C-alpha atoms as a PDB file:
ATOM      1  CA  MET A   1     123.515  42.212 136.344  1.00  0.00           C
ATOM      2  CA  ASP A   2     120.604  43.494 134.338  1.00  0.00           C
ATOM      3  CA  GLU A   3     120.769  45.634 131.323  1.00  0.00           C
ATOM      4  CA  GLN A   4     119.239  49.111 131.128  1.00  0.00           C
ATOM      5  CA  LYS A   5     116.003  49.606 128.277  1.00  0.00           C
ATOM      6  CA  LYS A   6     117.263  51.793 125.382  1.00  0.00           C
ATOM      7  CA  ASN A   7     114.816  53.429 123.144  1.00  0.00           C
ATOM      8  CA  GLU A   8     114.928  53.898 119.529  1.00  0.00           C
ATOM      9  CA  ARG A   9     117.329  56.645 120.127  1.00  0.00           C
ATOM     10  CA  GLY A  10     119.569  54.204 122.081  1.00  0.00           C
ATOM     11  CA  LEU A  11     118.649  56.295 125.555  1.00  0.00           C
ATOM     12  CA  SER A  12     117.965  54.349 128.400  1.00  0.00           C
ATOM     13  CA  VAL A  13     114.384  54.511 129.663  1.00  0.00           C
ATOM     14  CA  GLY A  14     112.274  53.272 133.020  1.00  0.00           C
ATOM     15  CA  ALA A  15     109.657  50.644 132.906  1.00  0.00           C
ATOM     16  CA  HIS A  16     107.299  53.241 131.189  1.00  0.00           C
ATOM     17  CA  GLY A  17     109.586  54.168 128.574  1.00  0.00           C
ATOM     18  CA  ASP A  18     110.454  57.299 129.996  1.00  0.00           C
ATOM     19  CA  VAL A  19     114.027  58.678 129.546  1.00  0.00           C
ATOM     20  CA  LEU A  20     115.905  58.219 132.487  1.00  0.00           C
ATOM     21  CA  THR A  21     117.847  61.515 132.571  1.00  0.00           C
ATOM     22  CA  ASP A  22     120.374  61.028 135.456  1.00  0.00           C
ATOM     23  CA  VAL A  23     122.184  58.289 132.874  1.00  0.00           C
ATOM     24  CA  LEU A  24     121.481  60.720 129.783  1.00  0.00           C
ATOM     25  CA  ASP A  25     125.180  61.028 128.384  1.00  0.00           C
ATOM     26  CA  VAL A  26     124.583  65.008 127.763  1.00  0.00           C
ATOM     27  CA  GLY A  27     126.771  66.205 130.792  1.00  0.00           C
ATOM     28  CA  ALA A  28     127.493  70.288 131.756  1.00  0.00           C
ATOM     29  CA  THR A  29     129.506  70.599 128.346  1.00  0.00           C
ATOM     30  CA  ALA A  30     126.409  70.193 126.066  1.00  0.00           C
ATOM     31  CA  ILE A  31     124.159  72.242 128.399  1.00  0.00           C
ATOM     32  CA  ILE A  32     126.663  75.541 127.894  1.00  0.00           C
ATOM     33  CA  GLU A  33     127.057  74.521 124.077  1.00  0.00           C
ATOM     34  CA  SER A  34     123.249  75.133 123.711  1.00  0.00           C
ATOM     35  CA  LEU A  35     123.550  78.267 125.440  1.00  0.00           C
ATOM     36  CA  ASP A  36     126.326  79.556 122.233  1.00  0.00           C
ATOM     37  CA  ARG A  37     123.681  77.793 119.597  1.00  0.00           C
ATOM     38  CA  GLY A  38     120.568  78.865 121.431  1.00  0.00           C
ATOM     39  CA  VAL A  39     118.089  81.238 120.984  1.00  0.00           C
ATOM     40  CA  TYR A  40     120.575  84.222 123.053  1.00  0.00           C
ATOM     41  CA  ALA A  41     123.867  82.837 121.249  1.00  0.00           C
ATOM     42  CA  GLY A  42     126.136  85.272 121.587  1.00  0.00           C
ATOM     43  CA  LYS A  43     124.276  87.365 124.458  1.00  0.00           C
ATOM     44  CA  GLU A  44     124.365  87.330 128.245  1.00  0.00           C
ATOM     45  CA  PRO A  45     120.848  86.817 129.813  1.00  0.00           C
ATOM     46  CA  TYR A  46     120.316  88.029 133.192  1.00  0.00           C
ATOM     47  CA  LEU A  47     117.811  88.570 136.030  1.00  0.00           C
ATOM     48  CA  GLU A  48     117.731  92.149 138.065  1.00  0.00           C
ATOM     49  CA  ILE A  49     116.100  92.658 141.178  1.00  0.00           C
ATOM     50  CA  GLU A  50     113.473  95.387 140.476  1.00  0.00           C
ATOM     51  CA  GLY A  51     114.286  98.708 142.508  1.00  0.00           C
ATOM     52  CA  GLY A  52     118.034  98.023 143.337  1.00  0.00           C
ATOM     53  CA  LYS A  53     116.827  95.613 145.966  1.00  0.00           C
ATOM     54  CA  GLU A  54     119.448  93.116 146.888  1.00  0.00           C
ATOM     55  CA  VAL A  55     119.319  89.267 147.255  1.00  0.00           C
ATOM     56  CA  PHE A  56     121.890  87.193 148.742  1.00  0.00           C
ATOM     57  CA  TYR A  57     123.627  84.443 146.220  1.00  0.00           C
ATOM     58  CA  ARG A  58     126.565  82.796 146.039  1.00  0.00           C
ATOM     59  CA  GLY A  59     127.434  84.254 149.735  1.00  0.00           C
ATOM     60  CA  ASP A  60     127.076  88.152 148.660  1.00  0.00           C
ATOM     61  CA  TYR A  61     124.442  90.406 148.295  1.00  0.00           C
ATOM     62  CA  VAL A  62     123.613  91.045 144.486  1.00  0.00           C
ATOM     63  CA  THR A  63     121.034  93.332 142.418  1.00  0.00           C
ATOM     64  CA  GLN A  64     121.747  91.312 139.123  1.00  0.00           C
ATOM     65  CA  ILE A  65     122.309  87.503 138.803  1.00  0.00           C
ATOM     66  CA  ALA A  66     124.046  86.185 135.454  1.00  0.00           C
ATOM     67  CA  LEU A  67     122.017  83.203 134.286  1.00  0.00           C
ATOM     68  CA  THR A  68     125.176  80.657 133.439  1.00  0.00           C
ATOM     69  CA  LYS A  69     123.870  77.821 135.466  1.00  0.00           C
ATOM     70  CA  ASP A  70     121.681  75.199 134.180  1.00  0.00           C
ATOM     71  CA  GLU A  71     118.905  75.808 137.354  1.00  0.00           C
ATOM     72  CA  LEU A  72     118.841  78.406 139.948  1.00  0.00           C
ATOM     73  CA  LEU A  73     116.661  77.660 142.373  1.00  0.00           C
ATOM     74  CA  VAL A  74     114.715  80.870 144.411  1.00  0.00           C
ATOM     75  CA  GLY A  75     113.497  80.649 148.027  1.00  0.00           C
ATOM     76  CA  ARG A  76     114.547  81.140 151.472  1.00  0.00           C
ATOM     77  CA  ARG A  77     117.277  79.170 153.386  1.00  0.00           C
ATOM     78  CA  ASP A  78     116.162  77.144 156.427  1.00  0.00           C
ATOM     79  CA  VAL A  79     118.989  75.183 158.194  1.00  0.00           C
ATOM     80  CA  ILE A  80     116.733  73.085 160.331  1.00  0.00           C
ATOM     81  CA  ALA A  81     114.903  71.662 157.535  1.00  0.00           C
ATOM     82  CA  GLY A  82     118.271  71.602 154.955  1.00  0.00           C
ATOM     83  CA  HIS A  83     116.732  73.936 152.304  1.00  0.00           C
ATOM     84  CA  TYR A  84     119.535  76.371 150.496  1.00  0.00           C
ATOM     85  CA  PRO A  85     118.478  77.707 147.660  1.00  0.00           C
ATOM     86  CA  ASP A  86     120.718  79.400 145.423  1.00  0.00           C
ATOM     87  CA  VAL A  87     119.078  82.734 145.686  1.00  0.00           C
ATOM     88  CA  ASP A  88     118.518  83.188 149.555  1.00  0.00           C
ATOM     89  CA  LEU A  89     115.441  85.705 150.267  1.00  0.00           C
ATOM     90  CA  ALA A  90     115.120  84.944 154.065  1.00  0.00           C
ATOM     91  CA  MET A  91     115.635  88.819 154.877  1.00  0.00           C
ATOM     92  CA  TYR A  92     112.701  89.490 153.068  1.00  0.00           C
ATOM     93  CA  TRP A  93     110.474  86.384 155.262  1.00  0.00           C
ATOM     94  CA  LYS A  94     110.627  88.574 158.322  1.00  0.00           C
ATOM     95  CA  VAL A  95     108.264  91.144 156.514  1.00  0.00           C
ATOM     96  CA  ASP A  96     106.854  89.159 153.521  1.00  0.00           C
ATOM     97  CA  LYS A  97     105.440  85.438 155.052  1.00  0.00           C
ATOM     98  CA  SER A  98     104.874  84.719 151.059  1.00  0.00           C
ATOM     99  CA  VAL A  99     108.664  83.481 150.309  1.00  0.00           C
ATOM    100  CA  SER A 100     108.479  79.610 150.556  1.00  0.00           C
ATOM    101  CA  ARG A 101     111.575  77.323 151.044  1.00  0.00           C
ATOM    102  CA  ARG A 102     111.571  76.283 147.335  1.00  0.00           C
ATOM    103  CA  HIS A 103     109.490  78.946 145.847  1.00  0.00           C
ATOM    104  CA  LEU A 104     110.010  78.985 142.225  1.00  0.00           C
ATOM    105  CA  ARG A 105     113.485  77.633 139.781  1.00  0.00           C
ATOM    106  CA  PHE A 106     114.798  79.476 136.559  1.00  0.00           C
ATOM    107  CA  TYR A 107     116.060  76.904 133.950  1.00  0.00           C
ATOM    108  CA  PHE A 108     116.674  76.757 130.368  1.00  0.00           C
ATOM    109  CA  ASN A 109     116.140  73.952 127.870  1.00  0.00           C
ATOM    110  CA  ILE A 110     118.450  72.509 125.189  1.00  0.00           C
ATOM    111  CA  ARG A 111     117.634  75.077 122.791  1.00  0.00           C
ATOM    112  CA  GLY A 112     118.664  78.124 125.074  1.00  0.00           C
ATOM    113  CA  ALA A 113     115.261  79.025 126.200  1.00  0.00           C
ATOM    114  CA  PHE A 114     114.858  80.351 129.585  1.00  0.00           C
ATOM    115  CA  PHE A 115     112.525  79.328 131.872  1.00  0.00           C
ATOM    116  CA  VAL A 116     110.076  80.002 135.134  1.00  0.00           C
ATOM    117  CA  GLU A 117     108.596  77.340 137.258  1.00  0.00           C
ATOM    118  CA  ASP A 118     106.649  77.695 140.283  1.00  0.00           C
ATOM    119  CA  LEU A 119     107.515  75.330 143.065  1.00  0.00           C
ATOM    120  CA  CYS A 120     105.569  76.205 145.863  1.00  0.00           C
ATOM    121  CA  ASN A 121     101.840  74.440 146.866  1.00  0.00           C
ATOM    122  CA  SER A 122     100.752  77.834 149.032  1.00  0.00           C
ATOM    123  CA  ASN A 123     102.623  80.507 147.673  1.00  0.00           C
ATOM    124  CA  ALA A 124     101.961  81.913 144.179  1.00  0.00           C
ATOM    125  CA  THR A 125     104.562  82.918 141.632  1.00  0.00           C
ATOM    126  CA  PHE A 126     103.345  85.718 138.625  1.00  0.00           C
ATOM    127  CA  LEU A 127     104.403  86.820 135.467  1.00  0.00           C
ATOM    128  CA  GLY A 128     104.271  90.481 134.659  1.00  0.00           C
ATOM    129  CA  ASP A 129     101.359  91.353 136.959  1.00  0.00           C
ATOM    130  CA  TYR A 130      99.215  90.099 139.831  1.00  0.00           C
ATOM    131  CA  GLY A 131      96.902  88.459 137.740  1.00  0.00           C
ATOM    132  CA  HIS A 132      99.046  86.114 136.273  1.00  0.00           C
ATOM    133  CA  ALA A 133      99.493  83.503 138.717  1.00  0.00           C
ATOM    134  CA  ILE A 134     101.710  80.199 137.175  1.00  0.00           C
ATOM    135  CA  ASN A 135     100.681  78.006 140.442  1.00  0.00           C
ATOM    136  CA  ARG A 136     102.842  74.920 139.600  1.00  0.00           C
ATOM    137  CA  GLU A 137     103.512  75.789 135.692  1.00  0.00           C
ATOM    138  CA  CYS A 138     106.548  76.311 133.935  1.00  0.00           C
ATOM    139  CA  VAL A 139     106.385  79.780 131.577  1.00  0.00           C
ATOM    140  CA  GLU A 140     109.144  80.429 128.931  1.00  0.00           C
ATOM    141  CA  LEU A 141     110.363  83.798 129.401  1.00  0.00           C
ATOM    142  CA  HIS A 142     111.020  86.464 127.212  1.00  0.00           C
ATOM    143  CA  PRO A 143     113.237  89.748 127.821  1.00  0.00           C
ATOM    144  CA  GLY A 144     111.368  92.241 130.148  1.00  0.00           C
ATOM    145  CA  ASP A 145     109.513  90.023 131.438  1.00  0.00           C
ATOM    146  CA  ARG A 146     108.663  90.154 135.522  1.00  0.00           C
ATOM    147  CA  ILE A 147     108.622  87.582 137.905  1.00  0.00           C
ATOM    148  CA  ILE A 148     106.980  88.456 141.362  1.00  0.00           C
ATOM    149  CA  VAL A 149     107.904  86.322 143.977  1.00  0.00           C
ATOM    150  CA  SER A 150     106.296  88.306 146.819  1.00  0.00           C
ATOM    151  CA  ARG A 151     105.456  91.705 147.123  1.00  0.00           C
ATOM    152  CA  SER A 152     108.953  92.427 148.053  1.00  0.00           C
ATOM    153  CA  VAL A 153     110.951  91.133 145.623  1.00  0.00           C
ATOM    154  CA  VAL A 154     110.424  91.056 141.835  1.00  0.00           C
ATOM    155  CA  PHE A 155     112.908  89.479 138.917  1.00  0.00           C
ATOM    156  CA  VAL A 156     113.191  90.830 135.785  1.00  0.00           C
ATOM    157  CA  PHE A 157     114.374  88.678 132.805  1.00  0.00           C
ATOM    158  CA  LYS A 158     117.211  90.681 130.864  1.00  0.00           C
ATOM    159  CA  ILE A 159     119.583  89.999 127.886  1.00  0.00           C
ATOM    160  CA  ARG A 160     122.630  92.070 127.417  1.00  0.00           C
END
C-alpha cells in the first residue's frame, strides 16, 4: 500500500503540497478547545435574527442560534435536489426569491474567529448594508455585524 506524503510538520499532503484536511489529526475536540482559547474565550457567540423573525433550525423555529458547531450552512431546503441546510430559509423563498439553496455558511478558524462565506453564484450576501456585497468571499465577523441574506432575513453576530 502507498504511504501518504508528509510535509515538514508531518501532515499528509496532496500532489501539489496542499494539506489534506480529511486526514489531519485535529478532530472535534481541538475545534471545541479552540473556542476555549480563542478570540471569544469564555463567551458565547450567537446569531440573532433581526426584527424577531424566525428561521427553521434543528427542527424548531428560533430567533437566535448559538454558534457551537464548527460550520453552519444557511440556505433553503430542496428535497428533490437533496439540499438540507442547517438553517432552512425555505419559508422566506415564497416571497423572496433571493435565497439560494446553499446561500452562505458561518464557520470559525482554529484561533476561534468567526467568518461568513457567501456560497451562491446568483444571489448575493451583504455585510452591514446593501453597499458591501461579499460575493463568493469569506469575511471575518465582529460583534454587531449585520449579515443580510435577503430582503427578508438579516442575521446579527453577537456575543454574550
